[in-house]
Amino acid sequence: DFKIDASYLSPHVNFTERLQEATKMYMVPLLMSEPFYVMLSTKAKDRIRKIDVVKPSVSIDKPIGIYTFDVKEDHIEPSVDAE
């Protein structure tokens, strides 16, 4: 049997929960971490803005940028399937 050490996942899970809660504080529908942002394509990065730099937890000393993708729901066009 394979077991996952929960102490390895804990800081990442905690930071993800904090990002989710921070959407209310920053009044945005979506936040993403800098490690996620750097994996995006250049085209995707053009539509994303940096909001802040935060210290994720006591166990992680390096500050991490947080980013948002500004979604304007009233400007989203429904997709049309070309069949």
N, C-alpha and C. Protein backbone atom coordinates (compact mmCIF):
# COMPACT_ATOMS: atom_id res chain seq x y z
N ASP A 1 0.83 -1.19 0.00
CA ASP A 1 0.00 0.00 0.00
C ASP A 1 0.87 1.25 0.00
N PHE A 2 0.41 2.25 -0.75
CA PHE A 2 1.10 3.53 -0.77
C PHE A 2 0.37 4.49 0.14
N LYS A 3 1.12 5.22 0.93
CA LYS A 3 0.53 6.21 1.82
C LYS A 3 1.16 7.55 1.53
N ILE A 4 0.36 8.59 1.66
CA ILE A 4 0.84 9.95 1.45
C ILE A 4 1.07 10.60 2.80
N ASP A 5 2.23 11.20 2.96
CA ASP A 5 2.55 11.91 4.19
C ASP A 5 1.78 13.23 4.18
N ALA A 6 0.81 13.36 5.05
CA ALA A 6 -0.04 14.56 5.09
C ALA A 6 0.75 15.82 5.42
N SER A 7 1.85 15.71 6.12
CA SER A 7 2.65 16.90 6.45
C SER A 7 3.25 17.53 5.20
N TYR A 8 3.43 16.73 4.13
CA TYR A 8 3.94 17.26 2.86
C TYR A 8 2.86 18.09 2.17
N LEU A 9 1.63 17.63 2.22
CA LEU A 9 0.53 18.32 1.54
C LEU A 9 0.00 19.51 2.33
N SER A 10 0.09 19.47 3.62
CA SER A 10 -0.54 20.46 4.49
C SER A 10 -0.25 21.92 4.14
N PRO A 11 1.00 22.33 3.93
CA PRO A 11 1.24 23.75 3.61
C PRO A 11 0.56 24.17 2.31
N HIS A 12 0.52 23.27 1.34
CA HIS A 12 -0.09 23.60 0.05
C HIS A 12 -1.60 23.68 0.17
N VAL A 13 -2.18 22.76 0.92
CA VAL A 13 -3.62 22.77 1.13
C VAL A 13 -4.02 24.03 1.90
N ASN A 14 -3.27 24.36 2.92
CA ASN A 14 -3.55 25.57 3.70
C ASN A 14 -3.46 26.82 2.85
N PHE A 15 -2.45 26.91 2.00
CA PHE A 15 -2.30 28.08 1.14
C PHE A 15 -3.45 28.17 0.15
N THR A 16 -3.88 27.04 -0.38
CA THR A 16 -5.01 27.02 -1.31
C THR A 16 -6.28 27.51 -0.63
N GLU A 17 -6.50 27.09 0.59
CA GLU A 17 -7.65 27.55 1.36
C GLU A 17 -7.58 29.05 1.60
N ARG A 18 -6.38 29.53 1.90
CA ARG A 18 -6.20 30.98 2.12
C ARG A 18 -6.44 31.77 0.84
N LEU A 19 -6.03 31.23 -0.30
CA LEU A 19 -6.30 31.90 -1.58
C LEU A 19 -7.80 31.99 -1.83
N GLN A 20 -8.49 30.91 -1.56
CA GLN A 20 -9.94 30.90 -1.75
C GLN A 20 -10.61 31.95 -0.87
N GLU A 21 -10.21 32.03 0.38
CA GLU A 21 -10.77 33.03 1.29
C GLU A 21 -10.40 34.45 0.86
N ALA A 22 -9.21 34.62 0.31
CA ALA A 22 -8.74 35.95 -0.10
C ALA A 22 -9.52 36.53 -1.27
N THR A 23 -10.22 35.68 -2.02
CA THR A 23 -11.04 36.21 -3.12
C THR A 23 -12.06 37.21 -2.59
N LYS A 24 -12.56 36.98 -1.40
CA LYS A 24 -13.52 37.91 -0.78
C LYS A 24 -12.86 39.23 -0.43
N MET A 25 -11.66 39.15 0.13
CA MET A 25 -10.94 40.36 0.54
C MET A 25 -10.56 41.22 -0.68
N TYR A 26 -10.10 40.56 -1.74
CA TYR A 26 -9.68 41.29 -2.95
C TYR A 26 -10.85 41.54 -3.90
N MET A 27 -12.03 40.99 -3.56
CA MET A 27 -13.25 41.15 -4.36
C MET A 27 -13.05 40.72 -5.81
N VAL A 28 -12.47 39.55 -5.98
CA VAL A 28 -12.28 38.96 -7.31
C VAL A 28 -12.81 37.52 -7.27
N PRO A 29 -13.26 37.00 -8.41
CA PRO A 29 -13.80 35.64 -8.41
C PRO A 29 -12.75 34.54 -8.42
N LEU A 30 -11.51 34.89 -8.77
CA LEU A 30 -10.49 33.87 -8.95
C LEU A 30 -9.12 34.41 -8.56
N LEU A 31 -8.39 33.64 -7.77
CA LEU A 31 -7.00 33.96 -7.46
C LEU A 31 -6.13 32.76 -7.79
N MET A 32 -4.91 33.03 -8.21
CA MET A 32 -3.97 31.95 -8.49
C MET A 32 -2.61 32.33 -7.94
N SER A 33 -1.84 31.30 -7.61
CA SER A 33 -0.51 31.52 -7.05
C SER A 33 0.51 31.77 -8.16
N GLU A 34 1.63 32.33 -7.78
CA GLU A 34 2.71 32.58 -8.74
C GLU A 34 3.24 31.30 -9.37
N PRO A 35 3.42 30.21 -8.59
CA PRO A 35 3.87 28.97 -9.24
C PRO A 35 2.91 28.49 -10.34
N PHE A 36 1.62 28.70 -10.14
CA PHE A 36 0.65 28.34 -11.18
C PHE A 36 0.77 29.31 -12.36
N TYR A 37 0.87 30.60 -12.06
CA TYR A 37 0.97 31.64 -13.09
C TYR A 37 2.14 31.40 -14.04
N VAL A 38 3.30 31.02 -13.50
CA VAL A 38 4.47 30.85 -14.36
C VAL A 38 4.32 29.67 -15.34
N MET A 39 3.40 28.76 -15.07
CA MET A 39 3.19 27.63 -15.98
C MET A 39 2.25 27.98 -17.14
N LEU A 40 1.62 29.14 -17.10
CA LEU A 40 0.67 29.52 -18.14
C LEU A 40 1.37 29.97 -19.42
N SER A 41 0.65 29.92 -20.51
CA SER A 41 1.18 30.39 -21.79
C SER A 41 1.29 31.92 -21.76
N THR A 42 2.06 32.46 -22.66
CA THR A 42 2.21 33.91 -22.77
C THR A 42 0.87 34.55 -23.07
N LYS A 43 0.09 33.94 -23.92
CA LYS A 43 -1.23 34.46 -24.27
C LYS A 43 -2.13 34.53 -23.05
N ALA A 44 -2.11 33.51 -22.21
CA ALA A 44 -2.91 33.51 -20.99
C ALA A 44 -2.42 34.57 -20.02
N LYS A 45 -1.10 34.73 -19.90
CA LYS A 45 -0.53 35.71 -18.98
C LYS A 45 -0.92 37.14 -19.35
N ASP A 46 -1.18 37.39 -20.63
CA ASP A 46 -1.58 38.73 -21.07
C ASP A 46 -2.91 39.16 -20.46
N ARG A 47 -3.72 38.21 -19.99
CA ARG A 47 -5.05 38.53 -19.47
C ARG A 47 -5.10 38.44 -17.94
N ILE A 48 -3.95 38.30 -17.33
CA ILE A 48 -3.89 38.12 -15.87
C ILE A 48 -3.11 39.26 -15.25
N ARG A 49 -3.55 39.69 -14.08
CA ARG A 49 -2.82 40.78 -13.41
C ARG A 49 -2.40 40.35 -12.00
N LYS A 50 -1.25 40.87 -11.60
CA LYS A 50 -0.73 40.59 -10.27
C LYS A 50 -1.44 41.50 -9.28
N ILE A 51 -1.89 40.93 -8.18
CA ILE A 51 -2.63 41.69 -7.17
C ILE A 51 -1.77 42.04 -5.97
N ASP A 52 -0.98 41.07 -5.52
CA ASP A 52 -0.25 41.28 -4.26
C ASP A 52 0.88 40.26 -4.17
N VAL A 53 1.70 40.42 -3.16
CA VAL A 53 2.74 39.45 -2.81
C VAL A 53 2.51 39.11 -1.34
N VAL A 54 2.40 37.82 -1.06
CA VAL A 54 2.09 37.37 0.30
C VAL A 54 3.07 36.31 0.76
N LYS A 55 3.16 36.16 2.06
CA LYS A 55 3.93 35.07 2.65
C LYS A 55 2.95 33.93 2.91
N PRO A 56 3.08 32.81 2.21
CA PRO A 56 2.09 31.74 2.28
C PRO A 56 1.87 31.16 3.67
N SER A 57 2.93 30.95 4.43
CA SER A 57 2.77 30.35 5.76
C SER A 57 4.05 30.56 6.56
N VAL A 58 3.98 30.18 7.80
CA VAL A 58 5.15 30.29 8.68
C VAL A 58 6.27 29.39 8.18
N SER A 59 5.91 28.23 7.63
CA SER A 59 6.93 27.27 7.19
C SER A 59 7.55 27.61 5.83
N ILE A 60 6.94 28.55 5.10
CA ILE A 60 7.46 28.95 3.79
C ILE A 60 7.88 30.42 3.89
N ASP A 61 9.18 30.67 3.82
CA ASP A 61 9.69 32.03 4.01
C ASP A 61 9.59 32.90 2.76
N LYS A 62 9.64 32.29 1.59
CA LYS A 62 9.67 33.05 0.34
C LYS A 62 8.29 33.62 0.01
N PRO A 63 8.18 34.94 -0.16
CA PRO A 63 6.89 35.53 -0.56
C PRO A 63 6.48 35.03 -1.95
N ILE A 64 5.18 34.91 -2.14
CA ILE A 64 4.62 34.40 -3.41
C ILE A 64 3.62 35.43 -3.94
N GLY A 65 3.72 35.71 -5.23
CA GLY A 65 2.76 36.61 -5.86
C GLY A 65 1.41 35.92 -6.03
N ILE A 66 0.36 36.73 -5.93
CA ILE A 66 -0.97 36.20 -6.24
C ILE A 66 -1.56 37.02 -7.39
N TYR A 67 -2.26 36.34 -8.25
CA TYR A 67 -2.74 36.89 -9.51
C TYR A 67 -4.23 36.63 -9.67
N THR A 68 -4.86 37.43 -10.53
CA THR A 68 -6.26 37.20 -10.85
C THR A 68 -6.48 37.33 -12.35
N PHE A 69 -7.52 36.67 -12.79
CA PHE A 69 -8.00 36.77 -14.17
C PHE A 69 -9.33 37.48 -14.07
N ASP A 70 -9.40 38.69 -14.60
CA ASP A 70 -10.63 39.46 -14.49
C ASP A 70 -11.67 38.94 -15.48
N VAL A 71 -12.66 38.28 -14.92
CA VAL A 71 -13.74 37.73 -15.72
C VAL A 71 -14.92 38.69 -15.63
N LYS A 72 -15.38 39.12 -16.78
CA LYS A 72 -16.58 39.96 -16.81
C LYS A 72 -17.70 39.08 -17.32
N GLU A 73 -18.47 38.55 -16.38
CA GLU A 73 -19.48 37.57 -16.73
C GLU A 73 -20.49 38.09 -17.75
N ASP A 74 -20.79 39.39 -17.71
CA ASP A 74 -21.78 39.91 -18.64
C ASP A 74 -21.23 40.04 -20.06
N HIS A 75 -19.92 39.84 -20.23
CA HIS A 75 -19.32 39.90 -21.56
C HIS A 75 -18.96 38.52 -22.12
N ILE A 76 -19.33 37.47 -21.41
CA ILE A 76 -19.01 36.13 -21.86
C ILE A 76 -20.07 35.67 -22.86
N GLU A 77 -19.62 35.31 -24.03
CA GLU A 77 -20.51 34.80 -25.07
C GLU A 77 -20.62 33.30 -24.93
N PRO A 78 -21.84 32.77 -25.03
CA PRO A 78 -21.96 31.31 -24.99
C PRO A 78 -21.27 30.70 -26.20
N SER A 79 -20.63 29.56 -25.99
CA SER A 79 -19.96 28.91 -27.11
C SER A 79 -21.00 28.23 -27.99
N VAL A 80 -20.70 28.21 -29.27
CA VAL A 80 -21.59 27.57 -30.23
C VAL A 80 -20.82 26.38 -30.81
N ASP A 81 -21.39 25.19 -30.64
CA ASP A 81 -20.76 24.00 -31.20
C ASP A 81 -20.98 23.96 -32.71
N ALA A 82 -19.90 23.85 -33.44
CA ALA A 82 -19.99 23.76 -34.90
C ALA A 82 -20.15 22.30 -35.28
N GLU A 83 -21.36 21.91 -35.59
CA GLU A 83 -21.60 20.53 -35.97
C GLU A 83 -22.17 20.46 -37.36
